[in-house]
N, C-alpha and C. Protein backbone atom coordinates (compact mmCIF):
# COMPACT_ATOMS: atom_id res chain seq x y z
N GLN A 1 123.98 87.87 76.85
CA GLN A 1 124.26 87.02 75.96
C GLN A 1 122.77 86.32 76.00
N VAL A 2 122.62 86.40 73.98
CA VAL A 2 121.11 85.41 73.46
C VAL A 2 121.87 84.05 73.17
N GLN A 3 121.31 82.50 73.19
CA GLN A 3 121.64 81.95 73.31
C GLN A 3 120.83 81.44 72.02
N LEU A 4 121.75 80.82 70.44
CA LEU A 4 120.81 81.22 69.29
C LEU A 4 120.66 79.55 68.53
N VAL A 5 119.89 78.86 67.99
CA VAL A 5 119.91 77.76 67.31
C VAL A 5 119.49 77.84 66.33
N GLU A 6 120.02 77.55 64.65
CA GLU A 6 119.33 77.84 63.43
C GLU A 6 118.93 76.66 63.14
N PHE A 7 117.63 76.23 62.18
CA PHE A 7 117.67 75.43 61.49
C PHE A 7 116.71 75.61 60.27
N GLY A 8 116.73 74.75 59.25
CA GLY A 8 116.34 74.67 58.09
C GLY A 8 117.40 74.85 56.64
N GLY A 9 118.44 75.19 56.89
CA GLY A 9 119.55 74.95 55.71
C GLY A 9 119.41 73.66 54.98
N GLY A 10 120.06 73.83 53.56
CA GLY A 10 120.02 72.85 52.89
C GLY A 10 120.41 72.85 51.42
N LEU A 11 119.75 72.16 50.45
CA LEU A 11 120.35 72.19 49.39
C LEU A 11 119.19 72.92 48.33
N VAL A 12 118.97 73.80 47.16
CA VAL A 12 118.40 73.97 46.57
C VAL A 12 118.37 74.62 45.24
N GLN A 13 117.36 74.37 44.21
CA GLN A 13 117.97 74.52 43.12
C GLN A 13 117.84 76.38 42.77
N ALA A 14 118.43 76.87 41.79
CA ALA A 14 118.35 78.52 41.62
C ALA A 14 117.10 78.49 41.52
N GLY A 15 116.06 79.41 41.86
CA GLY A 15 115.21 80.10 41.74
C GLY A 15 114.01 79.11 42.26
N GLY A 16 114.44 78.89 43.62
CA GLY A 16 113.88 78.04 44.44
C GLY A 16 113.77 79.35 45.44
N SER A 17 113.43 78.07 46.84
CA SER A 17 113.20 78.77 48.23
C SER A 17 113.62 77.84 48.98
N LEU A 18 113.76 78.64 50.77
CA LEU A 18 114.17 77.87 51.72
C LEU A 18 113.81 79.12 52.70
N ARG A 19 113.34 78.26 53.71
CA ARG A 19 113.13 79.29 55.22
C ARG A 19 114.15 78.38 56.33
N LEU A 20 114.74 79.74 56.69
CA LEU A 20 115.64 79.62 57.77
C LEU A 20 114.89 79.93 58.82
N SER A 21 114.95 79.48 60.40
CA SER A 21 114.55 79.58 60.85
C SER A 21 115.21 79.58 62.82
N CYS A 22 115.15 80.95 63.19
CA CYS A 22 116.45 80.56 65.02
C CYS A 22 115.57 80.80 65.93
N ALA A 23 116.18 79.98 66.99
CA ALA A 23 114.95 80.17 68.34
C ALA A 23 116.18 80.59 69.09
N ALA A 24 115.93 81.97 70.13
CA ALA A 24 116.41 82.14 70.91
C ALA A 24 116.27 82.12 71.90
N SER A 25 116.85 82.17 73.44
CA SER A 25 116.64 82.39 74.49
C SER A 25 117.46 83.09 75.42
N SER A 26 117.37 83.48 76.17
CA SER A 26 118.12 84.53 76.92
C SER A 26 117.84 84.66 78.46
N ARG A 27 118.82 84.75 79.24
CA ARG A 27 118.66 84.76 81.13
C ARG A 27 119.19 86.37 81.31
N THR A 28 119.62 86.88 80.13
CA THR A 28 120.17 88.47 80.66
C THR A 28 119.36 89.53 80.14
N TYR A 29 119.10 89.01 78.73
CA TYR A 29 118.26 90.27 77.74
C TYR A 29 116.41 89.54 78.16
N SER A 30 115.60 90.81 77.93
CA SER A 30 113.83 90.53 78.25
C SER A 30 113.68 90.84 76.83
N ASN A 31 114.42 91.64 76.07
CA ASN A 31 113.76 91.81 74.68
C ASN A 31 115.36 92.26 73.87
N TYR A 32 115.68 91.97 72.21
CA TYR A 32 116.65 91.85 72.05
C TYR A 32 116.21 92.10 69.94
N ALA A 33 116.77 92.81 69.27
CA ALA A 33 117.06 92.53 67.97
C ALA A 33 117.48 91.19 67.19
N MET A 34 117.03 90.74 66.36
CA MET A 34 117.81 89.57 65.54
C MET A 34 118.19 89.93 64.47
N GLY A 35 118.95 89.12 63.44
CA GLY A 35 119.38 89.55 62.37
C GLY A 35 119.45 87.96 61.80
N TRP A 36 119.77 88.44 60.78
CA TRP A 36 121.08 87.04 59.50
C TRP A 36 122.03 87.70 59.36
N PHE A 37 123.14 86.73 59.10
CA PHE A 37 124.51 87.27 58.43
C PHE A 37 124.99 86.25 57.40
N ARG A 38 125.45 86.21 56.64
CA ARG A 38 126.31 84.58 55.76
C ARG A 38 127.48 85.03 55.50
N GLN A 39 128.43 83.71 55.17
CA GLN A 39 129.65 83.41 54.88
C GLN A 39 130.34 82.94 53.84
N ALA A 40 129.86 83.36 52.23
CA ALA A 40 130.46 82.36 51.48
C ALA A 40 132.03 81.50 51.70
N PRO A 41 132.38 80.53 51.09
CA PRO A 41 133.51 80.12 50.72
C PRO A 41 134.22 81.32 50.63
N GLY A 42 135.41 81.59 51.18
CA GLY A 42 136.81 82.56 50.91
C GLY A 42 136.71 84.01 50.84
N LYS A 43 135.10 84.44 51.41
CA LYS A 43 134.57 85.41 51.94
C LYS A 43 134.61 85.98 53.05
N GLU A 44 134.44 87.34 53.46
CA GLU A 44 133.67 88.06 54.73
C GLU A 44 132.36 87.44 55.13
N ARG A 45 132.05 87.56 56.55
CA ARG A 45 130.95 87.55 56.58
C ARG A 45 130.22 88.54 56.44
N GLU A 46 129.07 88.31 55.79
CA GLU A 46 128.61 89.68 55.70
C GLU A 46 127.00 90.11 55.85
N PHE A 47 126.45 91.00 55.96
CA PHE A 47 125.04 91.43 56.84
C PHE A 47 123.97 91.13 55.56
N VAL A 48 122.75 90.02 56.12
CA VAL A 48 121.56 90.06 55.15
C VAL A 48 120.50 90.51 55.50
N ALA A 49 120.20 90.41 56.94
CA ALA A 49 118.92 91.13 57.22
C ALA A 49 118.31 91.14 59.11
N ALA A 50 118.11 92.14 59.52
CA ALA A 50 117.86 92.28 60.67
C ALA A 50 116.57 92.72 60.86
N ILE A 51 116.08 92.68 62.55
CA ILE A 51 114.45 93.06 62.83
C ILE A 51 114.28 93.12 64.18
N SER A 52 113.78 94.64 64.50
CA SER A 52 113.82 94.67 65.83
C SER A 52 113.08 94.21 66.38
N TRP A 53 113.29 94.19 67.99
CA TRP A 53 112.18 93.58 68.77
C TRP A 53 110.94 93.32 68.63
N SER A 54 110.13 94.57 68.60
CA SER A 54 108.49 94.45 67.95
C SER A 54 108.62 94.02 66.44
N GLY A 55 109.22 93.27 65.67
CA GLY A 55 108.90 93.00 64.52
C GLY A 55 108.76 94.54 63.46
N GLY A 56 108.58 95.46 63.92
CA GLY A 56 108.28 97.05 63.27
C GLY A 56 109.52 97.38 62.41
N ASN A 57 110.37 97.27 62.55
CA ASN A 57 111.38 97.76 62.04
C ASN A 57 112.48 96.92 61.24
N THR A 58 112.82 96.65 60.39
CA THR A 58 113.43 95.70 59.28
C THR A 58 114.12 96.36 58.13
N ILE A 59 115.42 95.76 58.29
CA ILE A 59 116.72 96.74 57.23
C ILE A 59 117.06 95.14 56.63
N TYR A 60 117.86 94.99 55.83
CA TYR A 60 117.52 94.15 54.38
C TYR A 60 118.97 94.50 53.38
N ALA A 61 120.22 93.73 53.11
CA ALA A 61 121.08 94.22 52.50
C ALA A 61 120.47 94.57 50.97
N ASP A 62 121.11 95.20 50.27
CA ASP A 62 120.85 95.59 48.55
C ASP A 62 120.71 94.10 48.05
N SER A 63 121.63 93.56 48.32
CA SER A 63 121.88 92.17 47.46
C SER A 63 120.83 90.99 47.44
N VAL A 64 119.93 91.35 48.98
CA VAL A 64 118.66 90.28 48.97
C VAL A 64 117.71 90.94 48.87
N LYS A 65 117.52 92.37 48.90
CA LYS A 65 116.42 92.90 48.99
C LYS A 65 115.12 92.70 47.96
N GLY A 66 114.07 92.22 48.36
CA GLY A 66 113.01 91.71 47.64
C GLY A 66 112.52 90.48 46.98
N ARG A 67 113.59 90.14 47.83
CA ARG A 67 113.90 88.34 47.34
C ARG A 67 113.63 87.54 48.51
N PHE A 68 114.50 88.17 49.84
CA PHE A 68 114.17 87.52 51.50
C PHE A 68 113.46 88.55 51.84
N THR A 69 112.90 87.62 53.37
CA THR A 69 111.73 88.55 54.09
C THR A 69 112.70 87.82 55.64
N ILE A 70 112.56 88.79 56.22
CA ILE A 70 112.48 88.36 57.74
C ILE A 70 111.72 89.08 58.65
N SER A 71 111.37 87.53 59.37
CA SER A 71 110.03 88.23 60.13
C SER A 71 110.14 87.53 61.49
N ARG A 72 109.79 87.96 62.43
CA ARG A 72 109.40 87.19 64.12
C ARG A 72 108.30 86.65 64.21
N GLY A 73 108.60 85.49 65.09
CA GLY A 73 107.30 84.81 65.70
C GLY A 73 106.64 85.06 66.65
N ASN A 74 105.34 85.26 66.86
CA ASN A 74 104.61 85.58 68.12
C ASN A 74 105.17 86.19 69.25
N ALA A 75 105.98 85.17 69.86
CA ALA A 75 106.24 84.70 70.69
C ALA A 75 107.67 85.56 70.86
N LYS A 76 107.98 86.14 69.65
CA LYS A 76 109.22 87.23 69.95
C LYS A 76 110.58 86.48 69.71
N ASN A 77 110.58 84.97 70.24
CA ASN A 77 112.34 84.55 70.38
C ASN A 77 112.11 83.36 69.30
N THR A 78 111.85 83.96 68.24
CA THR A 78 111.93 83.26 67.10
C THR A 78 112.26 84.33 65.94
N VAL A 79 113.34 83.98 64.89
CA VAL A 79 113.12 85.01 63.78
C VAL A 79 112.97 84.22 62.75
N TYR A 80 112.76 84.30 61.76
CA TYR A 80 112.58 83.33 60.46
C TYR A 80 113.15 84.17 58.72
N LEU A 81 113.81 83.74 58.32
CA LEU A 81 114.08 84.15 56.91
C LEU A 81 114.00 83.75 55.71
N GLN A 82 112.70 84.11 55.08
CA GLN A 82 111.89 83.42 54.27
C GLN A 82 112.73 83.60 52.64
N MET A 83 113.23 82.73 51.98
CA MET A 83 114.55 83.02 50.76
C MET A 83 113.66 82.40 49.69
N ASP A 84 113.39 83.44 48.56
CA ASP A 84 112.77 83.36 47.39
C ASP A 84 113.72 83.58 46.67
N SER A 85 113.67 82.85 45.10
CA SER A 85 114.51 83.48 44.06
C SER A 85 115.67 83.39 43.95
N LEU A 86 116.12 82.27 44.71
CA LEU A 86 117.46 81.78 45.41
C LEU A 86 118.55 81.96 43.73
N LYS A 87 119.41 81.96 44.35
CA LYS A 87 120.30 82.35 42.77
C LYS A 87 121.73 81.72 43.66
N PRO A 88 122.60 80.85 42.87
CA PRO A 88 124.14 80.59 43.28
C PRO A 88 124.42 81.19 44.06
N GLU A 89 124.96 82.59 43.83
CA GLU A 89 125.51 83.57 44.57
C GLU A 89 125.20 83.21 46.23
N ASP A 90 123.77 83.06 46.56
CA ASP A 90 123.17 83.04 47.93
C ASP A 90 123.93 81.93 48.85
N THR A 91 124.79 80.83 48.19
CA THR A 91 125.01 79.88 48.52
C THR A 91 125.85 80.61 49.61
N ALA A 92 126.36 79.89 51.01
CA ALA A 92 126.39 80.35 52.13
C ALA A 92 126.15 79.70 53.31
N VAL A 93 127.04 79.96 54.28
CA VAL A 93 126.45 79.64 55.77
C VAL A 93 125.82 80.80 56.32
N TYR A 94 124.35 80.60 56.54
CA TYR A 94 123.80 81.22 57.27
C TYR A 94 123.95 81.50 58.88
N TYR A 95 124.13 82.70 59.62
CA TYR A 95 124.17 82.86 60.64
C TYR A 95 123.29 83.61 61.67
N CYS A 96 122.52 83.34 62.19
CA CYS A 96 121.88 84.13 63.35
C CYS A 96 122.11 85.08 64.00
N ALA A 97 122.19 86.03 64.38
CA ALA A 97 122.27 86.93 65.33
C ALA A 97 121.44 87.40 66.14
N ALA A 98 122.59 88.34 67.47
CA ALA A 98 121.11 89.05 68.49
C ALA A 98 122.03 90.09 69.10
N ASP A 99 121.22 91.17 69.31
CA ASP A 99 121.78 92.02 70.18
C ASP A 99 120.87 92.91 70.43
N LEU A 100 121.16 94.44 71.12
CA LEU A 100 119.77 94.88 72.28
C LEU A 100 118.92 95.83 71.07
N THR A 101 119.86 96.44 69.89
CA THR A 101 119.39 97.09 69.14
C THR A 101 119.50 96.68 67.57
N ILE A 102 118.94 97.35 66.80
CA ILE A 102 118.66 96.91 65.49
C ILE A 102 120.25 97.52 64.46
N GLU A 103 120.18 98.31 65.06
CA GLU A 103 121.60 99.33 64.95
C GLU A 103 123.03 98.18 65.47
N THR A 104 122.91 97.80 66.48
CA THR A 104 124.19 96.82 66.48
C THR A 104 124.06 95.44 66.15
N VAL A 105 122.98 94.99 65.64
CA VAL A 105 123.15 94.17 65.19
C VAL A 105 123.68 94.18 63.95
N VAL A 106 123.33 95.02 63.16
CA VAL A 106 123.85 95.35 62.05
C VAL A 106 125.60 95.65 61.72
N ALA A 107 125.63 96.16 62.90
CA ALA A 107 127.10 96.69 63.44
C ALA A 107 127.76 95.31 63.35
N GLY A 108 127.21 94.18 64.05
CA GLY A 108 127.67 93.25 64.09
C GLY A 108 127.45 92.53 65.70
N ALA A 109 126.45 91.87 65.78
CA ALA A 109 126.17 91.51 67.11
C ALA A 109 127.12 90.78 68.03
N ARG A 110 126.81 90.40 69.36
CA ARG A 110 127.13 89.86 70.15
C ARG A 110 126.91 88.31 70.33
N SER A 111 125.92 87.98 70.04
CA SER A 111 125.37 86.88 69.94
C SER A 111 125.14 85.79 68.66
N TRP A 112 125.47 85.02 68.33
CA TRP A 112 125.55 84.08 67.25
C TRP A 112 125.50 82.91 67.59
N GLY A 113 124.88 82.78 66.48
CA GLY A 113 124.23 80.70 66.22
C GLY A 113 125.63 80.25 65.84
N GLN A 114 125.42 79.01 66.01
CA GLN A 114 126.75 78.07 65.09
C GLN A 114 126.46 78.07 63.29
N GLY A 115 125.26 78.68 62.78
CA GLY A 115 125.63 78.33 61.17
C GLY A 115 124.67 77.53 60.73
N THR A 116 123.88 77.78 59.55
CA THR A 116 123.32 76.83 59.06
C THR A 116 123.75 76.89 57.40
N GLN A 117 123.95 75.91 56.50
CA GLN A 117 124.73 75.82 55.21
C GLN A 117 123.65 75.68 54.42
N VAL A 118 123.32 76.69 53.65
CA VAL A 118 122.85 76.93 52.56
C VAL A 118 123.21 77.00 51.14
N THR A 119 122.99 76.16 50.71
CA THR A 119 123.52 75.58 48.79
C THR A 119 122.82 75.67 47.63
N VAL A 120 122.68 76.90 46.97
CA VAL A 120 122.24 76.67 45.80
C VAL A 120 122.74 76.51 44.36
N SER A 121 121.71 75.27 43.69
CA SER A 121 122.85 74.71 42.70
C SER A 121 122.40 75.73 41.49
N SER A 122 123.11 75.63 40.52
CA SER A 122 122.73 76.55 39.19
C SER A 122 121.84 75.54 38.00
């Protein structure tokens, strides 16, 4: 298991930017892929982006490609989601996730944070 804590949600106007952070710790795994999902009111949780342990591989949902950037800190235990050109439809609770590989993160990871609210006003 990986323990995850998100930071950085808030309210922003359409066209603005926000940066989410997620701090990870684990006594079980020495390395793991990480990612972000989101859930809007009345909708199912959806994949947003994922990154490998090394940071060399990234995957994005089509809806955020070109606007969001996922990255890892130098210590590898922090992941960031830089969100630019935000739209009202990006409003959701954003969850940090982790699992052994980028593929298993995308498939629906085993470790989750508590979520942070992002609200984009029009």
